[in-house]
Amino acid sequence: MGRKLRYLGLDERETIEHLHKGGATASLIAERIGTTPATVCRELKLGQLTEAGVAVKDEFGRLIYSAERGQRAFEAAMKRRGRRASGQ
């Protein structure tokens, strides 16, 4: 049985943001949106807020995640992927 590839949508990223702000673990978030904890961890890293290249943390020491930033990073990566596929 092969792996089914699919990408997170903005609605799923917003769910990640909401649950992460509430203190949910990657495992719980993954269960809620129907993906793996590894996908959630990668997404949290992709959409983390930074100031001057340094990750911003909340009062509990957790990285701050932005669904909009995660979506923009995803779209930029897809554009780069398309350029490489078309012969640079």
PDB file of N, CA and C in Angstrom:
ATOM      1  N   MET A   1       0.846  -1.168   0.000  1.00  0.00           N
ATOM      2  CA  MET A   1       0.000   0.000   0.000  1.00  0.00           C
ATOM      3  C   MET A   1       0.896   1.238   0.000  1.00  0.00           C
ATOM      4  N   GLY A   2       0.696   2.127  -0.953  1.00  0.00           N
ATOM      5  CA  GLY A   2       1.523   3.318  -1.084  1.00  0.00           C
ATOM      6  C   GLY A   2       1.079   4.441  -0.172  1.00  0.00           C
ATOM      7  N   ARG A   3       1.950   5.381  -0.020  1.00  0.00           N
ATOM      8  CA  ARG A   3       1.684   6.559   0.796  1.00  0.00           C
ATOM      9  C   ARG A   3       0.865   7.554  -0.001  1.00  0.00           C
ATOM     10  N   LYS A   4      -0.147   8.116   0.592  1.00  0.00           N
ATOM     11  CA  LYS A   4      -0.951   9.133  -0.079  1.00  0.00           C
ATOM     12  C   LYS A   4      -0.397  10.506   0.282  1.00  0.00           C
ATOM     13  N   LEU A   5       0.086  11.225  -0.716  1.00  0.00           N
ATOM     14  CA  LEU A   5       0.640  12.551  -0.470  1.00  0.00           C
ATOM     15  C   LEU A   5      -0.470  13.585  -0.531  1.00  0.00           C
ATOM     16  N   ARG A   6      -0.475  14.466   0.448  1.00  0.00           N
ATOM     17  CA  ARG A   6      -1.386  15.598   0.425  1.00  0.00           C
ATOM     18  C   ARG A   6      -0.764  16.711   1.242  1.00  0.00           C
ATOM     19  N   TYR A   7      -1.137  17.913   0.931  1.00  0.00           N
ATOM     20  CA  TYR A   7      -0.575  19.072   1.604  1.00  0.00           C
ATOM     21  C   TYR A   7      -1.587  19.652   2.576  1.00  0.00           C
ATOM     22  N   LEU A   8      -1.073  20.267   3.625  1.00  0.00           N
ATOM     23  CA  LEU A   8      -1.945  20.945   4.568  1.00  0.00           C
ATOM     24  C   LEU A   8      -2.524  22.187   3.913  1.00  0.00           C
ATOM     25  N   GLY A   9      -3.779  22.460   4.198  1.00  0.00           N
ATOM     26  CA  GLY A   9      -4.419  23.674   3.712  1.00  0.00           C
ATOM     27  C   GLY A   9      -4.378  24.752   4.793  1.00  0.00           C
ATOM     28  N   LEU A  10      -4.783  25.961   4.426  1.00  0.00           N
ATOM     29  CA  LEU A  10      -4.778  27.062   5.379  1.00  0.00           C
ATOM     30  C   LEU A  10      -5.694  26.753   6.558  1.00  0.00           C
ATOM     31  N   ASP A  11      -6.826  26.107   6.323  1.00  0.00           N
ATOM     32  CA  ASP A  11      -7.735  25.784   7.426  1.00  0.00           C
ATOM     33  C   ASP A  11      -7.069  24.842   8.439  1.00  0.00           C
ATOM     34  N   GLU A  12      -6.303  23.876   7.948  1.00  0.00           N
ATOM     35  CA  GLU A  12      -5.586  22.971   8.851  1.00  0.00           C
ATOM     36  C   GLU A  12      -4.471  23.716   9.588  1.00  0.00           C
ATOM     37  N   ARG A  13      -3.812  24.619   8.900  1.00  0.00           N
ATOM     38  CA  ARG A  13      -2.768  25.423   9.549  1.00  0.00           C
ATOM     39  C   ARG A  13      -3.371  26.304  10.634  1.00  0.00           C
ATOM     40  N   GLU A  14      -4.561  26.840  10.388  1.00  0.00           N
ATOM     41  CA  GLU A  14      -5.222  27.656  11.405  1.00  0.00           C
ATOM     42  C   GLU A  14      -5.611  26.802  12.613  1.00  0.00           C
ATOM     43  N   THR A  15      -6.012  25.557  12.369  1.00  0.00           N
ATOM     44  CA  THR A  15      -6.313  24.640  13.472  1.00  0.00           C
ATOM     45  C   THR A  15      -5.055  24.355  14.276  1.00  0.00           C
ATOM     46  N   ILE A  16      -3.935  24.130  13.585  1.00  0.00           N
ATOM     47  CA  ILE A  16      -2.656  23.916  14.274  1.00  0.00           C
ATOM     48  C   ILE A  16      -2.333  25.128  15.138  1.00  0.00           C
ATOM     49  N   GLU A  17      -2.475  26.320  14.575  1.00  0.00           N
ATOM     50  CA  GLU A  17      -2.173  27.544  15.323  1.00  0.00           C
ATOM     51  C   GLU A  17      -3.039  27.638  16.583  1.00  0.00           C
ATOM     52  N   HIS A  18      -4.323  27.421  16.433  1.00  0.00           N
ATOM     53  CA  HIS A  18      -5.254  27.521  17.564  1.00  0.00           C
ATOM     54  C   HIS A  18      -4.923  26.501  18.655  1.00  0.00           C
ATOM     55  N   LEU A  19      -4.727  25.246  18.248  1.00  0.00           N
ATOM     56  CA  LEU A  19      -4.436  24.194  19.230  1.00  0.00           C
ATOM     57  C   LEU A  19      -3.071  24.396  19.885  1.00  0.00           C
ATOM     58  N   HIS A  20      -2.084  24.824  19.093  1.00  0.00           N
ATOM     59  CA  HIS A  20      -0.734  25.066  19.629  1.00  0.00           C
ATOM     60  C   HIS A  20      -0.772  26.183  20.670  1.00  0.00           C
ATOM     61  N   LYS A  21      -1.519  27.254  20.359  1.00  0.00           N
ATOM     62  CA  LYS A  21      -1.651  28.351  21.332  1.00  0.00           C
ATOM     63  C   LYS A  21      -2.285  27.856  22.626  1.00  0.00           C
ATOM     64  N   GLY A  22      -3.177  26.885  22.503  1.00  0.00           N
ATOM     65  CA  GLY A  22      -3.841  26.327  23.673  1.00  0.00           C
ATOM     66  C   GLY A  22      -3.001  25.326  24.445  1.00  0.00           C
ATOM     67  N   GLY A  23      -1.799  25.029  23.959  1.00  0.00           N
ATOM     68  CA  GLY A  23      -0.893  24.136  24.671  1.00  0.00           C
ATOM     69  C   GLY A  23      -0.973  22.678  24.261  1.00  0.00           C
ATOM     70  N   ALA A  24      -1.682  22.375  23.164  1.00  0.00           N
ATOM     71  CA  ALA A  24      -1.810  20.984  22.715  1.00  0.00           C
ATOM     72  C   ALA A  24      -0.472  20.448  22.215  1.00  0.00           C
ATOM     73  N   THR A  25      -0.281  19.156  22.400  1.00  0.00           N
ATOM     74  CA  THR A  25       0.930  18.494  21.913  1.00  0.00           C
ATOM     75  C   THR A  25       0.808  18.231  20.413  1.00  0.00           C
ATOM     76  N   ALA A  26       1.947  17.947  19.791  1.00  0.00           N
ATOM     77  CA  ALA A  26       1.948  17.616  18.361  1.00  0.00           C
ATOM     78  C   ALA A  26       1.098  16.374  18.094  1.00  0.00           C
ATOM     79  N   SER A  27       1.126  15.428  19.004  1.00  0.00           N
ATOM     80  CA  SER A  27       0.330  14.200  18.832  1.00  0.00           C
ATOM     81  C   SER A  27      -1.161  14.492  18.837  1.00  0.00           C
ATOM     82  N   LEU A  28      -1.600  15.338  19.748  1.00  0.00           N
ATOM     83  CA  LEU A  28      -3.018  15.687  19.813  1.00  0.00           C
ATOM     84  C   LEU A  28      -3.442  16.476  18.577  1.00  0.00           C
ATOM     85  N   ILE A  29      -2.614  17.432  18.178  1.00  0.00           N
ATOM     86  CA  ILE A  29      -2.920  18.223  16.984  1.00  0.00           C
ATOM     87  C   ILE A  29      -3.013  17.312  15.767  1.00  0.00           C
ATOM     88  N   ALA A  30      -2.058  16.395  15.628  1.00  0.00           N
ATOM     89  CA  ALA A  30      -2.038  15.468  14.497  1.00  0.00           C
ATOM     90  C   ALA A  30      -3.304  14.626  14.464  1.00  0.00           C
ATOM     91  N   GLU A  31      -3.724  14.155  15.606  1.00  0.00           N
ATOM     92  CA  GLU A  31      -4.937  13.349  15.687  1.00  0.00           C
ATOM     93  C   GLU A  31      -6.158  14.155  15.232  1.00  0.00           C
ATOM     94  N   ARG A  32      -6.221  15.407  15.644  1.00  0.00           N
ATOM     95  CA  ARG A  32      -7.365  16.270  15.292  1.00  0.00           C
ATOM     96  C   ARG A  32      -7.441  16.576  13.804  1.00  0.00           C
ATOM     97  N   ILE A  33      -6.284  16.765  13.160  1.00  0.00           N
ATOM     98  CA  ILE A  33      -6.323  17.133  11.736  1.00  0.00           C
ATOM     99  C   ILE A  33      -6.080  15.948  10.807  1.00  0.00           C
ATOM    100  N   GLY A  34      -5.843  14.777  11.375  1.00  0.00           N
ATOM    101  CA  GLY A  34      -5.708  13.569  10.567  1.00  0.00           C
ATOM    102  C   GLY A  34      -4.378  13.418   9.855  1.00  0.00           C
ATOM    103  N   THR A  35      -3.300  13.738  10.537  1.00  0.00           N
ATOM    104  CA  THR A  35      -1.964  13.586   9.962  1.00  0.00           C
ATOM    105  C   THR A  35      -1.038  12.997  11.033  1.00  0.00           C
ATOM    106  N   THR A  36       0.247  12.983  10.779  1.00  0.00           N
ATOM    107  CA  THR A  36       1.199  12.414  11.739  1.00  0.00           C
ATOM    108  C   THR A  36       1.795  13.515  12.620  1.00  0.00           C
ATOM    109  N   PRO A  37       2.261  13.161  13.813  1.00  0.00           N
ATOM    110  CA  PRO A  37       2.939  14.139  14.665  1.00  0.00           C
ATOM    111  C   PRO A  37       4.174  14.748  13.979  1.00  0.00           C
ATOM    112  N   ALA A  38       4.863  13.966  13.159  1.00  0.00           N
ATOM    113  CA  ALA A  38       6.043  14.485  12.456  1.00  0.00           C
ATOM    114  C   ALA A  38       5.651  15.619  11.507  1.00  0.00           C
ATOM    115  N   THR A  39       4.512  15.477  10.834  1.00  0.00           N
ATOM    116  CA  THR A  39       4.037  16.532   9.940  1.00  0.00           C
ATOM    117  C   THR A  39       3.751  17.799  10.729  1.00  0.00           C
ATOM    118  N   VAL A  40       3.125  17.646  11.886  1.00  0.00           N
ATOM    119  CA  VAL A  40       2.806  18.805  12.727  1.00  0.00           C
ATOM    120  C   VAL A  40       4.099  19.473  13.204  1.00  0.00           C
ATOM    121  N   CYS A  41       5.071  18.696  13.629  1.00  0.00           N
ATOM    122  CA  CYS A  41       6.356  19.266  14.074  1.00  0.00           C
ATOM    123  C   CYS A  41       7.048  20.032  12.955  1.00  0.00           C
ATOM    124  N   ARG A  42       7.047  19.465  11.755  1.00  0.00           N
ATOM    125  CA  ARG A  42       7.652  20.162  10.606  1.00  0.00           C
ATOM    126  C   ARG A  42       6.904  21.463  10.326  1.00  0.00           C
ATOM    127  N   GLU A  43       5.585  21.418  10.398  1.00  0.00           N
ATOM    128  CA  GLU A  43       4.778  22.605  10.136  1.00  0.00           C
ATOM    129  C   GLU A  43       5.012  23.680  11.196  1.00  0.00           C
ATOM    130  N   LEU A  44       5.143  23.281  12.451  1.00  0.00           N
ATOM    131  CA  LEU A  44       5.416  24.251  13.507  1.00  0.00           C
ATOM    132  C   LEU A  44       6.747  24.950  13.274  1.00  0.00           C
ATOM    133  N   LYS A  45       7.714  24.212  12.778  1.00  0.00           N
ATOM    134  CA  LYS A  45       9.011  24.813  12.474  1.00  0.00           C
ATOM    135  C   LYS A  45       8.911  25.733  11.248  1.00  0.00           C
ATOM    136  N   LEU A  46       8.166  25.294  10.246  1.00  0.00           N
ATOM    137  CA  LEU A  46       8.019  26.063   9.011  1.00  0.00           C
ATOM    138  C   LEU A  46       7.343  27.411   9.272  1.00  0.00           C
ATOM    139  N   GLY A  47       6.347  27.421  10.141  1.00  0.00           N
ATOM    140  CA  GLY A  47       5.567  28.631  10.369  1.00  0.00           C
ATOM    141  C   GLY A  47       5.925  29.399  11.622  1.00  0.00           C
ATOM    142  N   GLN A  48       7.105  29.138  12.185  1.00  0.00           N
ATOM    143  CA  GLN A  48       7.461  29.847  13.417  1.00  0.00           C
ATOM    144  C   GLN A  48       7.771  31.315  13.136  1.00  0.00           C
ATOM    145  N   LEU A  49       7.382  32.153  14.063  1.00  0.00           N
ATOM    146  CA  LEU A  49       7.660  33.578  13.946  1.00  0.00           C
ATOM    147  C   LEU A  49       9.099  33.846  14.364  1.00  0.00           C
ATOM    148  N   THR A  50       9.729  34.774  13.650  1.00  0.00           N
ATOM    149  CA  THR A  50      11.100  35.159  13.991  1.00  0.00           C
ATOM    150  C   THR A  50      11.215  36.672  13.984  1.00  0.00           C
ATOM    151  N   GLU A  51      12.165  37.164  14.744  1.00  0.00           N
ATOM    152  CA  GLU A  51      12.533  38.580  14.738  1.00  0.00           C
ATOM    153  C   GLU A  51      14.035  38.634  14.548  1.00  0.00           C
ATOM    154  N   ALA A  52      14.460  39.256  13.475  1.00  0.00           N
ATOM    155  CA  ALA A  52      15.882  39.358  13.145  1.00  0.00           C
ATOM    156  C   ALA A  52      16.534  37.981  13.084  1.00  0.00           C
ATOM    157  N   GLY A  53      15.795  36.994  12.570  1.00  0.00           N
ATOM    158  CA  GLY A  53      16.334  35.656  12.399  1.00  0.00           C
ATOM    159  C   GLY A  53      16.312  34.784  13.635  1.00  0.00           C
ATOM    160  N   VAL A  54      15.770  35.296  14.735  1.00  0.00           N
ATOM    161  CA  VAL A  54      15.712  34.537  15.987  1.00  0.00           C
ATOM    162  C   VAL A  54      14.261  34.150  16.258  1.00  0.00           C
ATOM    163  N   ALA A  55      14.032  32.890  16.585  1.00  0.00           N
ATOM    164  CA  ALA A  55      12.684  32.403  16.855  1.00  0.00           C
ATOM    165  C   ALA A  55      12.083  33.129  18.059  1.00  0.00           C
ATOM    166  N   VAL A  56      10.821  33.533  17.912  1.00  0.00           N
ATOM    167  CA  VAL A  56      10.098  34.211  18.982  1.00  0.00           C
ATOM    168  C   VAL A  56       9.380  33.156  19.813  1.00  0.00           C
ATOM    169  N   LYS A  57       9.441  33.296  21.130  1.00  0.00           N
ATOM    170  CA  LYS A  57       8.794  32.342  22.034  1.00  0.00           C
ATOM    171  C   LYS A  57       7.752  33.050  22.879  1.00  0.00           C
ATOM    172  N   ASP A  58       6.758  32.284  23.309  1.00  0.00           N
ATOM    173  CA  ASP A  58       5.734  32.843  24.183  1.00  0.00           C
ATOM    174  C   ASP A  58       6.203  32.823  25.636  1.00  0.00           C
ATOM    175  N   GLU A  59       5.305  33.203  26.551  1.00  0.00           N
ATOM    176  CA  GLU A  59       5.691  33.275  27.963  1.00  0.00           C
ATOM    177  C   GLU A  59       6.021  31.923  28.582  1.00  0.00           C
ATOM    178  N   PHE A  60       5.648  30.833  27.899  1.00  0.00           N
ATOM    179  CA  PHE A  60       5.943  29.480  28.387  1.00  0.00           C
ATOM    180  C   PHE A  60       7.174  28.872  27.714  1.00  0.00           C
ATOM    181  N   GLY A  61       7.842  29.641  26.858  1.00  0.00           N
ATOM    182  CA  GLY A  61       9.042  29.167  26.191  1.00  0.00           C
ATOM    183  C   GLY A  61       8.772  28.357  24.933  1.00  0.00           C
ATOM    184  N   ARG A  62       7.513  28.360  24.474  1.00  0.00           N
ATOM    185  CA  ARG A  62       7.148  27.624  23.252  1.00  0.00           C
ATOM    186  C   ARG A  62       7.271  28.545  22.047  1.00  0.00           C
ATOM    187  N   LEU A  63       7.691  27.975  20.908  1.00  0.00           N
ATOM    188  CA  LEU A  63       7.766  28.755  19.669  1.00  0.00           C
ATOM    189  C   LEU A  63       6.381  29.259  19.307  1.00  0.00           C
ATOM    190  N   ILE A  64       6.316  30.473  18.782  1.00  0.00           N
ATOM    191  CA  ILE A  64       5.039  31.031  18.337  1.00  0.00           C
ATOM    192  C   ILE A  64       4.858  30.664  16.870  1.00  0.00           C
ATOM    193  N   TYR A  65       3.714  30.059  16.564  1.00  0.00           N
ATOM    194  CA  TYR A  65       3.406  29.589  15.214  1.00  0.00           C
ATOM    195  C   TYR A  65       2.373  30.498  14.573  1.00  0.00           C
ATOM    196  N   SER A  66       2.565  30.795  13.295  1.00  0.00           N
ATOM    197  CA  SER A  66       1.617  31.581  12.516  1.00  0.00           C
ATOM    198  C   SER A  66       1.162  30.764  11.313  1.00  0.00           C
ATOM    199  N   ALA A  67      -0.149  30.545  11.215  1.00  0.00           N
ATOM    200  CA  ALA A  67      -0.701  29.803  10.085  1.00  0.00           C
ATOM    201  C   ALA A  67      -0.435  30.538   8.773  1.00  0.00           C
ATOM    202  N   GLU A  68      -0.558  31.855   8.789  1.00  0.00           N
ATOM    203  CA  GLU A  68      -0.313  32.638   7.571  1.00  0.00           C
ATOM    204  C   GLU A  68       1.131  32.523   7.126  1.00  0.00           C
ATOM    205  N   ARG A  69       2.049  32.572   8.072  1.00  0.00           N
ATOM    206  CA  ARG A  69       3.473  32.436   7.714  1.00  0.00           C
ATOM    207  C   ARG A  69       3.755  31.034   7.175  1.00  0.00           C
ATOM    208  N   GLY A  70       3.159  30.025   7.791  1.00  0.00           N
ATOM    209  CA  GLY A  70       3.318  28.663   7.303  1.00  0.00           C
ATOM    210  C   GLY A  70       2.798  28.503   5.888  1.00  0.00           C
ATOM    211  N   GLN A  71       1.648  29.126   5.598  1.00  0.00           N
ATOM    212  CA  GLN A  71       1.069  29.053   4.256  1.00  0.00           C
ATOM    213  C   GLN A  71       1.960  29.758   3.243  1.00  0.00           C
ATOM    214  N   ARG A  72       2.466  30.946   3.612  1.00  0.00           N
ATOM    215  CA  ARG A  72       3.355  31.679   2.679  1.00  0.00           C
ATOM    216  C   ARG A  72       4.634  30.887   2.412  1.00  0.00           C
ATOM    217  N   ALA A  73       5.201  30.272   3.447  1.00  0.00           N
ATOM    218  CA  ALA A  73       6.419  29.475   3.278  1.00  0.00           C
ATOM    219  C   ALA A  73       6.143  28.281   2.369  1.00  0.00           C
ATOM    220  N   PHE A  74       4.987  27.646   2.545  1.00  0.00           N
ATOM    221  CA  PHE A  74       4.602  26.519   1.693  1.00  0.00           C
ATOM    222  C   PHE A  74       4.476  26.959   0.242  1.00  0.00           C
ATOM    223  N   GLU A  75       3.781  28.072   0.008  1.00  0.00           N
ATOM    224  CA  GLU A  75       3.591  28.561  -1.363  1.00  0.00           C
ATOM    225  C   GLU A  75       4.923  28.923  -2.013  1.00  0.00           C
ATOM    226  N   ALA A  76       5.830  29.530  -1.252  1.00  0.00           N
ATOM    227  CA  ALA A  76       7.149  29.870  -1.787  1.00  0.00           C
ATOM    228  C   ALA A  76       7.919  28.602  -2.152  1.00  0.00           C
ATOM    229  N   ALA A  77       7.827  27.580  -1.312  1.00  0.00           N
ATOM    230  CA  ALA A  77       8.518  26.318  -1.592  1.00  0.00           C
ATOM    231  C   ALA A  77       7.949  25.661  -2.845  1.00  0.00           C
ATOM    232  N   MET A  78       6.649  25.740  -3.040  1.00  0.00           N
ATOM    233  CA  MET A  78       6.035  25.148  -4.225  1.00  0.00           C
ATOM    234  C   MET A  78       6.477  25.886  -5.489  1.00  0.00           C
ATOM    235  N   LYS A  79       6.624  27.199  -5.403  1.00  0.00           N
ATOM    236  CA  LYS A  79       7.116  27.968  -6.557  1.00  0.00           C
ATOM    237  C   LYS A  79       8.545  27.572  -6.889  1.00  0.00           C
ATOM    238  N   ARG A  80       9.387  27.430  -5.852  1.00  0.00           N
ATOM    239  CA  ARG A  80      10.786  27.011  -6.086  1.00  0.00           C
ATOM    240  C   ARG A  80      10.812  25.630  -6.705  1.00  0.00           C
ATOM    241  N   ARG A  81       9.984  24.736  -6.223  1.00  0.00           N
ATOM    242  CA  ARG A  81       9.932  23.368  -6.737  1.00  0.00           C
ATOM    243  C   ARG A  81       9.553  23.396  -8.223  1.00  0.00           C
ATOM    244  N   GLY A  82       8.624  24.229  -8.600  1.00  0.00           N
ATOM    245  CA  GLY A  82       8.196  24.327  -9.993  1.00  0.00           C
ATOM    246  C   GLY A  82       9.303  24.825 -10.903  1.00  0.00           C
ATOM    247  N   ARG A  83      10.100  25.779 -10.437  1.00  0.00           N
ATOM    248  CA  ARG A  83      11.206  26.294 -11.255  1.00  0.00           C
ATOM    249  C   ARG A  83      12.236  25.203 -11.503  1.00  0.00           C
ATOM    250  N   ARG A  84      12.550  24.434 -10.465  1.00  0.00           N
ATOM    251  CA  ARG A  84      13.543  23.364 -10.645  1.00  0.00           C
ATOM    252  C   ARG A  84      13.021  22.308 -11.621  1.00  0.00           C
ATOM    253  N   ALA A  85      11.755  21.998 -11.510  1.00  0.00           N
ATOM    254  CA  ALA A  85      11.190  20.950 -12.355  1.00  0.00           C
ATOM    255  C   ALA A  85      11.165  21.371 -13.816  1.00  0.00           C
ATOM    256  N   SER A  86      11.087  22.671 -14.076  1.00  0.00           N
ATOM    257  CA  SER A  86      10.987  23.132 -15.462  1.00  0.00           C
ATOM    258  C   SER A  86      12.347  23.437 -16.078  1.00  0.00           C
ATOM    259  N   GLY A  87      13.403  22.986 -15.472  1.00  0.00           N
ATOM    260  CA  GLY A  87      14.734  23.158 -16.060  1.00  0.00           C
ATOM    261  C   GLY A  87      15.474  24.384 -15.565  1.00  0.00           C
ATOM    262  N   GLN A  88      15.048  24.940 -14.449  1.00  0.00           N
ATOM    263  CA  GLN A  88      15.664  26.097 -13.793  1.00  0.00           C
ATOM    264  C   GLN A  88      15.571  27.251 -14.671  1.00  0.00           C
TER     265      GLN A  88
END
